[in-house]
Amino acid sequence: MQTDRIGDLSPPGRRLFPEGQFEALRLVESVTTTAGVVIATYQPV
C-alpha cells in the first residue's frame, strides 16, 4: 500500500472537543523522550 498522507496510515482518533469548537490552553509541562517524542500537558486557561 502506498500513500501520500500520513493520516491514511493510522486509524481516526478520538476528538477532545467538537469540530469547530476551540479552547484556550496553556502548556504546563513538556518532556521529550529518548526517541524524540514530545509528551505535552496542557491546562485550560
N, C-alpha and C. Protein backbone atom coordinates (compact mmCIF):
# COMPACT_ATOMS: atom_id res chain seq x y z
N MET A 1 0.84 -1.17 0.00
CA MET A 1 0.00 0.00 0.00
C MET A 1 0.89 1.24 0.00
N GLN A 2 0.63 2.16 -0.90
CA GLN A 2 1.37 3.41 -0.98
C GLN A 2 0.41 4.56 -0.76
N THR A 3 0.87 5.52 -0.01
CA THR A 3 0.02 6.66 0.30
C THR A 3 0.84 7.93 0.34
N ASP A 4 0.20 9.05 0.11
CA ASP A 4 0.89 10.34 0.16
C ASP A 4 0.67 11.06 1.47
N ARG A 5 -0.30 10.58 2.26
CA ARG A 5 -0.63 11.27 3.50
C ARG A 5 -0.43 10.34 4.69
N ILE A 6 0.21 10.84 5.74
CA ILE A 6 0.44 10.04 6.94
C ILE A 6 -0.87 9.62 7.58
N GLY A 7 -1.88 10.48 7.55
CA GLY A 7 -3.18 10.18 8.16
C GLY A 7 -3.84 8.93 7.58
N ASP A 8 -3.47 8.58 6.36
CA ASP A 8 -4.03 7.38 5.75
C ASP A 8 -3.51 6.10 6.41
N LEU A 9 -2.42 6.20 7.15
CA LEU A 9 -1.81 5.01 7.74
C LEU A 9 -2.31 4.72 9.15
N SER A 10 -2.93 5.69 9.79
CA SER A 10 -3.37 5.50 11.16
C SER A 10 -4.89 5.58 11.26
N PRO A 11 -5.45 4.89 12.25
CA PRO A 11 -6.90 4.94 12.41
C PRO A 11 -7.33 6.33 12.90
N PRO A 12 -8.57 6.69 12.70
CA PRO A 12 -9.03 8.00 13.17
C PRO A 12 -8.98 8.07 14.69
N GLY A 13 -8.62 9.24 15.22
CA GLY A 13 -8.51 9.40 16.66
C GLY A 13 -9.81 9.90 17.28
N ARG A 14 -9.82 9.98 18.59
CA ARG A 14 -10.97 10.49 19.31
C ARG A 14 -10.80 11.99 19.51
N ARG A 15 -11.82 12.75 19.21
CA ARG A 15 -11.75 14.21 19.37
C ARG A 15 -11.92 14.58 20.84
N LEU A 16 -11.12 15.54 21.28
CA LEU A 16 -11.28 16.05 22.64
C LEU A 16 -12.37 17.10 22.70
N PHE A 17 -12.56 17.84 21.59
CA PHE A 17 -13.56 18.89 21.52
C PHE A 17 -14.34 18.70 20.23
N PRO A 18 -15.60 19.10 20.20
CA PRO A 18 -16.38 19.00 18.97
C PRO A 18 -15.72 19.81 17.85
N GLU A 19 -15.89 19.35 16.63
CA GLU A 19 -15.31 20.04 15.48
C GLU A 19 -15.82 21.48 15.43
N GLY A 20 -14.89 22.42 15.24
CA GLY A 20 -15.25 23.83 15.17
C GLY A 20 -15.21 24.54 16.50
N GLN A 21 -15.09 23.80 17.59
CA GLN A 21 -15.02 24.41 18.93
C GLN A 21 -13.55 24.53 19.32
N PHE A 22 -13.15 25.70 19.82
CA PHE A 22 -11.78 25.92 20.21
C PHE A 22 -11.72 26.27 21.69
N GLU A 23 -10.69 25.80 22.35
CA GLU A 23 -10.48 26.08 23.77
C GLU A 23 -9.09 26.68 23.95
N ALA A 24 -8.99 27.69 24.81
CA ALA A 24 -7.69 28.26 25.13
C ALA A 24 -6.98 27.33 26.11
N LEU A 25 -5.77 26.91 25.76
CA LEU A 25 -4.99 26.01 26.59
C LEU A 25 -3.63 26.60 26.89
N ARG A 26 -3.08 26.24 28.04
CA ARG A 26 -1.76 26.71 28.44
C ARG A 26 -0.87 25.48 28.64
N LEU A 27 0.31 25.51 28.06
CA LEU A 27 1.27 24.43 28.23
C LEU A 27 1.83 24.48 29.64
N VAL A 28 1.71 23.39 30.40
CA VAL A 28 2.20 23.37 31.77
C VAL A 28 3.42 22.47 31.94
N GLU A 29 3.61 21.53 31.02
CA GLU A 29 4.77 20.65 31.10
C GLU A 29 5.01 19.99 29.75
N SER A 30 6.28 19.81 29.41
CA SER A 30 6.60 19.04 28.21
C SER A 30 7.87 18.24 28.47
N VAL A 31 7.88 17.03 27.96
CA VAL A 31 9.01 16.13 28.10
C VAL A 31 9.29 15.53 26.74
N THR A 32 10.56 15.46 26.37
CA THR A 32 10.95 14.79 25.13
C THR A 32 11.59 13.47 25.50
N THR A 33 11.08 12.38 24.93
CA THR A 33 11.62 11.05 25.21
C THR A 33 12.92 10.85 24.44
N THR A 34 13.62 9.78 24.76
CA THR A 34 14.88 9.48 24.06
C THR A 34 14.64 9.15 22.59
N ALA A 35 13.39 8.80 22.25
CA ALA A 35 13.04 8.52 20.86
C ALA A 35 12.64 9.79 20.10
N GLY A 36 12.61 10.93 20.80
CA GLY A 36 12.26 12.19 20.16
C GLY A 36 10.78 12.52 20.18
N VAL A 37 9.99 11.76 20.94
CA VAL A 37 8.56 12.01 21.05
C VAL A 37 8.32 13.06 22.13
N VAL A 38 7.51 14.06 21.83
CA VAL A 38 7.20 15.10 22.81
C VAL A 38 5.88 14.75 23.49
N ILE A 39 5.90 14.70 24.82
CA ILE A 39 4.72 14.48 25.61
C ILE A 39 4.40 15.81 26.28
N ALA A 40 3.25 16.39 25.92
CA ALA A 40 2.89 17.72 26.41
C ALA A 40 1.63 17.64 27.27
N THR A 41 1.63 18.42 28.35
CA THR A 41 0.48 18.51 29.24
C THR A 41 -0.04 19.94 29.21
N TYR A 42 -1.34 20.08 28.94
CA TYR A 42 -1.98 21.39 28.85
C TYR A 42 -3.08 21.50 29.89
N GLN A 43 -3.37 22.75 30.28
CA GLN A 43 -4.49 23.05 31.17
C GLN A 43 -5.34 24.14 30.51
N PRO A 44 -6.65 24.12 30.76
CA PRO A 44 -7.50 25.21 30.25
C PRO A 44 -7.07 26.53 30.88
N VAL A 45 -7.19 27.61 30.13
CA VAL A 45 -6.83 28.94 30.65
C VAL A 45 -8.01 29.50 31.41
